[in-house]
Amino acid sequence: MRTWSLAGDSVLNIAGLEAMSSVDRRALAAQYERIFEAHGPALLRLTASYEAPPQAREDLLQEILLAIWRALPSFRGDCSEKTFAFRVAHNRCLTHVWRRGKSPQSEAELPEVPDPRKSPETLAIDSRRRETLLAAIRALPVNYRQVITLALEDMTPAEIAAVLGVTENNVAVRLNRARKALRSILEERP
């Protein structure tokens, strides 16, 4: 798996940031690294709800990280860095889905993610459950997929509302409907 990080001043000069002082750029780079360290794994898991093949997930993660970097100078601190990162990520994922314009990858294309601490039997069962859940999440409409994915990342309804730009009540309704739809999809699968 690749690791994503800022590398060199050439990256720092994107998106019209060359006018910033080197101190401001270093502070921005430090903030970016802090966001990536804290939320990178969660953002990678988020990409799994939109893409099945590992390479496509990495490409989507790269798009998300670039979008976060470009949006970072406009971050005013009105919300947490986590909420900011997930809002940018979900907007990028929606753009990705819109551009792709086709149905999600099939369940058969999902990779097996081994965990060396578990037995092969447990691994097979866990992997199949994870594959089934991800496939079911990808089958949901995007507005349901968003709330379920964020809820699985232990975000509060207030945080989800801030990320999606809707009310907490709307989040509660969507989450309830998404859980019912997900349950229905999972019950239909063998």
C-alpha atoms as a PDB file:
ATOM      1  CA  MET A   1       0.000   0.000   0.000  1.00  0.00           C
ATOM      2  CA  ARG A   2       1.225   3.480  -0.779  1.00  0.00           C
ATOM      3  CA  THR A   3       1.667   6.162   1.832  1.00  0.00           C
ATOM      4  CA  TRP A   4       0.489   9.627   0.946  1.00  0.00           C
ATOM      5  CA  SER A   5       2.278  12.715   2.102  1.00  0.00           C
ATOM      6  CA  LEU A   6       3.474  16.112   1.015  1.00  0.00           C
ATOM      7  CA  ALA A   7       6.832  15.971  -0.694  1.00  0.00           C
ATOM      8  CA  GLY A   8       8.834  19.043  -1.524  1.00  0.00           C
ATOM      9  CA  ASP A   9       8.020  22.646  -2.348  1.00  0.00           C
ATOM     10  CA  SER A  10       6.557  21.779  -5.747  1.00  0.00           C
ATOM     11  CA  VAL A  11       3.490  20.378  -4.010  1.00  0.00           C
ATOM     12  CA  LEU A  12       3.293  23.425  -1.788  1.00  0.00           C
ATOM     13  CA  ASN A  13       3.031  25.708  -4.810  1.00  0.00           C
ATOM     14  CA  ILE A  14      -0.187  24.233  -6.179  1.00  0.00           C
ATOM     15  CA  ALA A  15      -3.503  26.046  -6.057  1.00  0.00           C
ATOM     16  CA  GLY A  16      -2.006  29.545  -6.008  1.00  0.00           C
ATOM     17  CA  LEU A  17      -0.218  29.136  -2.691  1.00  0.00           C
ATOM     18  CA  GLU A  18       3.095  30.463  -3.995  1.00  0.00           C
ATOM     19  CA  ALA A  19       2.246  33.914  -2.604  1.00  0.00           C
ATOM     20  CA  MET A  20       2.246  32.551   0.960  1.00  0.00           C
ATOM     21  CA  SER A  21       5.296  33.010   3.124  1.00  0.00           C
ATOM     22  CA  SER A  22       7.397  29.944   3.804  1.00  0.00           C
ATOM     23  CA  VAL A  23       6.279  30.057   7.455  1.00  0.00           C
ATOM     24  CA  ASP A  24       2.607  29.999   6.397  1.00  0.00           C
ATOM     25  CA  ARG A  25       3.281  27.162   3.961  1.00  0.00           C
ATOM     26  CA  ARG A  26       5.052  25.153   6.645  1.00  0.00           C
ATOM     27  CA  ALA A  27       2.150  25.727   9.050  1.00  0.00           C
ATOM     28  CA  LEU A  28      -0.288  24.668   6.335  1.00  0.00           C
ATOM     29  CA  ALA A  29       1.821  21.582   5.572  1.00  0.00           C
ATOM     30  CA  ALA A  30       1.921  20.698   9.278  1.00  0.00           C
ATOM     31  CA  GLN A  31      -1.856  21.058   9.528  1.00  0.00           C
ATOM     32  CA  TYR A  32      -2.273  18.865   6.436  1.00  0.00           C
ATOM     33  CA  GLU A  33       0.038  16.195   7.871  1.00  0.00           C
ATOM     34  CA  ARG A  34      -1.868  16.309  11.174  1.00  0.00           C
ATOM     35  CA  ILE A  35      -5.184  15.806   9.361  1.00  0.00           C
ATOM     36  CA  PHE A  36      -3.722  12.994   7.282  1.00  0.00           C
ATOM     37  CA  GLU A  37      -2.191  11.229  10.289  1.00  0.00           C
ATOM     38  CA  ALA A  38      -5.419  11.474  12.285  1.00  0.00           C
ATOM     39  CA  HIS A  39      -7.922  10.674   9.544  1.00  0.00           C
ATOM     40  CA  GLY A  40      -6.010   8.991   6.694  1.00  0.00           C
ATOM     41  CA  PRO A  41      -7.068   5.428   7.615  1.00  0.00           C
ATOM     42  CA  ALA A  42     -10.717   6.512   7.946  1.00  0.00           C
ATOM     43  CA  LEU A  43     -10.544   8.268   4.576  1.00  0.00           C
ATOM     44  CA  LEU A  44      -9.153   5.096   3.016  1.00  0.00           C
ATOM     45  CA  ARG A  45     -12.048   3.125   4.511  1.00  0.00           C
ATOM     46  CA  LEU A  46     -14.410   5.759   3.112  1.00  0.00           C
ATOM     47  CA  THR A  47     -13.040   5.130  -0.385  1.00  0.00           C
ATOM     48  CA  ALA A  48     -13.935   1.451   0.011  1.00  0.00           C
ATOM     49  CA  SER A  49     -17.607   2.397   0.072  1.00  0.00           C
ATOM     50  CA  TYR A  50     -17.202   3.986  -3.361  1.00  0.00           C
ATOM     51  CA  GLU A  51     -14.633   1.752  -5.090  1.00  0.00           C
ATOM     52  CA  ALA A  52     -13.916  -1.973  -4.887  1.00  0.00           C
ATOM     53  CA  PRO A  53     -10.530  -2.409  -6.633  1.00  0.00           C
ATOM     54  CA  PRO A  54      -7.572  -1.405  -4.420  1.00  0.00           C
ATOM     55  CA  GLN A  55      -5.964   0.719  -7.157  1.00  0.00           C
ATOM     56  CA  ALA A  56      -9.201   2.648  -7.678  1.00  0.00           C
ATOM     57  CA  ARG A  57      -9.418   3.216  -3.915  1.00  0.00           C
ATOM     58  CA  GLU A  58      -5.877   4.576  -3.846  1.00  0.00           C
ATOM     59  CA  ASP A  59      -6.603   6.847  -6.802  1.00  0.00           C
ATOM     60  CA  LEU A  60      -9.733   8.154  -5.095  1.00  0.00           C
ATOM     61  CA  LEU A  61      -7.791   8.663  -1.854  1.00  0.00           C
ATOM     62  CA  GLN A  62      -5.180  10.641  -3.777  1.00  0.00           C
ATOM     63  CA  GLU A  63      -7.949  12.831  -5.235  1.00  0.00           C
ATOM     64  CA  ILE A  64      -9.358  13.352  -1.738  1.00  0.00           C
ATOM     65  CA  LEU A  65      -5.997  14.275  -0.241  1.00  0.00           C
ATOM     66  CA  LEU A  66      -5.288  16.731  -3.041  1.00  0.00           C
ATOM     67  CA  ALA A  67      -8.748  18.259  -2.556  1.00  0.00           C
ATOM     68  CA  ILE A  68      -8.095  18.603   1.189  1.00  0.00           C
ATOM     69  CA  TRP A  69      -4.756  20.272   0.478  1.00  0.00           C
ATOM     70  CA  ARG A  70      -6.353  22.695  -1.963  1.00  0.00           C
ATOM     71  CA  ALA A  71      -9.218  23.491   0.428  1.00  0.00           C
ATOM     72  CA  LEU A  72      -7.020  23.862   3.496  1.00  0.00           C
ATOM     73  CA  PRO A  73      -6.174  27.571   3.000  1.00  0.00           C
ATOM     74  CA  SER A  74      -9.897  28.376   3.126  1.00  0.00           C
ATOM     75  CA  PHE A  75     -10.457  26.337   6.328  1.00  0.00           C
ATOM     76  CA  ARG A  76     -11.697  28.888   8.864  1.00  0.00           C
ATOM     77  CA  GLY A  77     -11.973  26.588  11.854  1.00  0.00           C
ATOM     78  CA  ASP A  78     -15.787  26.791  12.010  1.00  0.00           C
ATOM     79  CA  CYS A  79     -15.818  23.021  12.477  1.00  0.00           C
ATOM     80  CA  SER A  80     -13.337  20.364  13.546  1.00  0.00           C
ATOM     81  CA  GLU A  81     -10.558  19.251  11.220  1.00  0.00           C
ATOM     82  CA  LYS A  82     -12.258  15.850  11.106  1.00  0.00           C
ATOM     83  CA  THR A  83     -15.526  17.363   9.898  1.00  0.00           C
ATOM     84  CA  PHE A  84     -13.631  19.514   7.391  1.00  0.00           C
ATOM     85  CA  ALA A  85     -11.689  16.527   6.023  1.00  0.00           C
ATOM     86  CA  PHE A  86     -14.790  14.340   5.693  1.00  0.00           C
ATOM     87  CA  ARG A  87     -16.818  17.104   4.069  1.00  0.00           C
ATOM     88  CA  VAL A  88     -14.115  17.610   1.438  1.00  0.00           C
ATOM     89  CA  ALA A  89     -13.791  13.830   1.048  1.00  0.00           C
ATOM     90  CA  HIS A  90     -17.511  13.289   0.550  1.00  0.00           C
ATOM     91  CA  ASN A  91     -17.706  16.100  -1.977  1.00  0.00           C
ATOM     92  CA  ARG A  92     -14.810  14.526  -3.886  1.00  0.00           C
ATOM     93  CA  CYS A  93     -16.473  11.089  -3.688  1.00  0.00           C
ATOM     94  CA  LEU A  94     -19.735  12.510  -5.038  1.00  0.00           C
ATOM     95  CA  THR A  95     -17.842  14.104  -7.925  1.00  0.00           C
ATOM     96  CA  HIS A  96     -16.090  10.793  -8.496  1.00  0.00           C
ATOM     97  CA  VAL A  97     -19.398   8.883  -8.590  1.00  0.00           C
ATOM     98  CA  TRP A  98     -20.932  11.482 -10.869  1.00  0.00           C
ATOM     99  CA  ARG A  99     -17.979  11.357 -13.281  1.00  0.00           C
ATOM    100  CA  ARG A 100     -17.870   7.587 -13.277  1.00  0.00           C
ATOM    101  CA  GLY A 101     -21.561   7.492 -14.183  1.00  0.00           C
ATOM    102  CA  LYS A 102     -21.836   3.736 -13.929  1.00  0.00           C
ATOM    103  CA  SER A 103     -22.816   1.243 -11.292  1.00  0.00           C
ATOM    104  CA  PRO A 104     -20.330   0.241  -8.599  1.00  0.00           C
ATOM    105  CA  GLN A 105     -17.871  -2.586  -9.161  1.00  0.00           C
ATOM    106  CA  SER A 106     -19.195  -6.076  -8.598  1.00  0.00           C
ATOM    107  CA  GLU A 107     -18.794  -7.871  -5.321  1.00  0.00           C
ATOM    108  CA  ALA A 108     -16.562 -10.476  -6.980  1.00  0.00           C
ATOM    109  CA  GLU A 109     -13.854  -7.857  -7.595  1.00  0.00           C
ATOM    110  CA  LEU A 110     -13.367  -7.075  -3.902  1.00  0.00           C
ATOM    111  CA  PRO A 111      -9.933  -8.030  -2.606  1.00  0.00           C
ATOM    112  CA  GLU A 112      -9.335 -10.243   0.363  1.00  0.00           C
ATOM    113  CA  VAL A 113      -7.673  -8.352   3.199  1.00  0.00           C
ATOM    114  CA  PRO A 114      -5.688 -10.816   5.318  1.00  0.00           C
ATOM    115  CA  ASP A 115      -5.088 -10.306   9.038  1.00  0.00           C
ATOM    116  CA  PRO A 116      -2.094 -12.371  10.210  1.00  0.00           C
ATOM    117  CA  ARG A 117      -3.364 -12.454  13.792  1.00  0.00           C
ATOM    118  CA  LYS A 118      -6.407 -14.532  12.911  1.00  0.00           C
ATOM    119  CA  SER A 119      -6.863 -18.089  11.708  1.00  0.00           C
ATOM    120  CA  PRO A 120      -7.584 -18.693   8.021  1.00  0.00           C
ATOM    121  CA  GLU A 121     -11.136 -19.754   8.808  1.00  0.00           C
ATOM    122  CA  THR A 122     -11.823 -16.606  10.792  1.00  0.00           C
ATOM    123  CA  LEU A 123     -10.196 -14.584   8.082  1.00  0.00           C
ATOM    124  CA  ALA A 124     -12.415 -16.089   5.427  1.00  0.00           C
ATOM    125  CA  ILE A 125     -15.550 -15.436   7.438  1.00  0.00           C
ATOM    126  CA  ASP A 126     -14.536 -11.872   8.345  1.00  0.00           C
ATOM    127  CA  SER A 127     -13.469 -11.099   4.795  1.00  0.00           C
ATOM    128  CA  ARG A 128     -16.736 -12.388   3.366  1.00  0.00           C
ATOM    129  CA  ARG A 129     -18.743 -10.355   5.867  1.00  0.00           C
ATOM    130  CA  ARG A 130     -16.722  -7.248   5.064  1.00  0.00           C
ATOM    131  CA  GLU A 131     -17.116  -7.848   1.320  1.00  0.00           C
ATOM    132  CA  THR A 132     -20.843  -8.383   1.719  1.00  0.00           C
ATOM    133  CA  LEU A 133     -21.232  -5.249   3.839  1.00  0.00           C
ATOM    134  CA  LEU A 134     -19.193  -3.085   1.447  1.00  0.00           C
ATOM    135  CA  ALA A 135     -21.093  -4.404  -1.551  1.00  0.00           C
ATOM    136  CA  ALA A 136     -24.385  -3.700   0.218  1.00  0.00           C
ATOM    137  CA  ILE A 137     -23.238  -0.188   1.156  1.00  0.00           C
ATOM    138  CA  ARG A 138     -22.211   0.475  -2.454  1.00  0.00           C
ATOM    139  CA  ALA A 139     -25.682  -0.663  -3.559  1.00  0.00           C
ATOM    140  CA  LEU A 140     -27.347   2.053  -1.454  1.00  0.00           C
ATOM    141  CA  PRO A 141     -28.291   5.401  -2.978  1.00  0.00           C
ATOM    142  CA  VAL A 142     -25.534   7.959  -2.453  1.00  0.00           C
ATOM    143  CA  ASN A 143     -27.397   9.976   0.209  1.00  0.00           C
ATOM    144  CA  TYR A 144     -27.849   6.812   2.310  1.00  0.00           C
ATOM    145  CA  ARG A 145     -24.316   5.629   1.586  1.00  0.00           C
ATOM    146  CA  GLN A 146     -22.960   8.901   2.957  1.00  0.00           C
ATOM    147  CA  VAL A 147     -24.666   8.729   6.337  1.00  0.00           C
ATOM    148  CA  ILE A 148     -23.974   5.014   6.843  1.00  0.00           C
ATOM    149  CA  THR A 149     -20.289   5.424   6.007  1.00  0.00           C
ATOM    150  CA  LEU A 150     -19.893   8.361   8.365  1.00  0.00           C
ATOM    151  CA  ALA A 151     -21.840   6.606  11.124  1.00  0.00           C
ATOM    152  CA  LEU A 152     -19.534   3.592  10.764  1.00  0.00           C
ATOM    153  CA  GLU A 153     -16.632   5.994  11.347  1.00  0.00           C
ATOM    154  CA  ASP A 154     -18.165   6.869  14.756  1.00  0.00           C
ATOM    155  CA  MET A 155     -19.169  10.365  13.733  1.00  0.00           C
ATOM    156  CA  THR A 156     -21.962  11.949  15.724  1.00  0.00           C
ATOM    157  CA  PRO A 157     -25.160  13.096  13.999  1.00  0.00           C
ATOM    158  CA  ALA A 158     -23.985  16.699  14.481  1.00  0.00           C
ATOM    159  CA  GLU A 159     -20.676  15.929  12.766  1.00  0.00           C
ATOM    160  CA  ILE A 160     -22.442  14.080   9.950  1.00  0.00           C
ATOM    161  CA  ALA A 161     -24.807  17.007   9.506  1.00  0.00           C
ATOM    162  CA  ALA A 162     -21.853  19.394   9.291  1.00  0.00           C
ATOM    163  CA  VAL A 163     -20.070  17.190   6.749  1.00  0.00           C
ATOM    164  CA  LEU A 164     -23.130  16.803   4.529  1.00  0.00           C
ATOM    165  CA  GLY A 165     -24.500  20.305   5.006  1.00  0.00           C
ATOM    166  CA  VAL A 166     -27.901  19.155   6.261  1.00  0.00           C
ATOM    167  CA  THR A 167     -29.737  19.290   9.592  1.00  0.00           C
ATOM    168  CA  GLU A 168     -29.242  16.754  12.365  1.00  0.00           C
ATOM    169  CA  ASN A 169     -32.903  15.776  11.966  1.00  0.00           C
ATOM    170  CA  ASN A 170     -32.289  15.071   8.287  1.00  0.00           C
ATOM    171  CA  VAL A 171     -29.279  12.936   9.247  1.00  0.00           C
ATOM    172  CA  ALA A 172     -31.410  10.950  11.701  1.00  0.00           C
ATOM    173  CA  VAL A 173     -34.073  10.310   9.058  1.00  0.00           C
ATOM    174  CA  ARG A 174     -31.514   9.346   6.403  1.00  0.00           C
ATOM    175  CA  LEU A 175     -29.657   7.101   8.821  1.00  0.00           C
ATOM    176  CA  ASN A 176     -32.848   5.312   9.839  1.00  0.00           C
ATOM    177  CA  ARG A 177     -33.859   4.790   6.209  1.00  0.00           C
ATOM    178  CA  ALA A 178     -30.320   3.780   5.235  1.00  0.00           C
ATOM    179  CA  ARG A 179     -30.190   1.144   7.978  1.00  0.00           C
ATOM    180  CA  LYS A 180     -33.530  -0.284   6.830  1.00  0.00           C
ATOM    181  CA  ALA A 181     -32.385  -0.333   3.197  1.00  0.00           C
ATOM    182  CA  LEU A 182     -29.063  -1.910   4.173  1.00  0.00           C
ATOM    183  CA  ARG A 183     -30.825  -4.543   6.262  1.00  0.00           C
ATOM    184  CA  SER A 184     -33.129  -5.320   3.331  1.00  0.00           C
ATOM    185  CA  ILE A 185     -30.182  -5.658   0.920  1.00  0.00           C
ATOM    186  CA  LEU A 186     -28.284  -7.897   3.334  1.00  0.00           C
ATOM    187  CA  GLU A 187     -31.322 -10.136   3.905  1.00  0.00           C
ATOM    188  CA  GLU A 188     -31.678 -10.678   0.143  1.00  0.00           C
ATOM    189  CA  ARG A 189     -28.073 -11.871  -0.223  1.00  0.00           C
ATOM    190  CA  PRO A 190     -27.246 -15.560   0.244  1.00  0.00           C
END
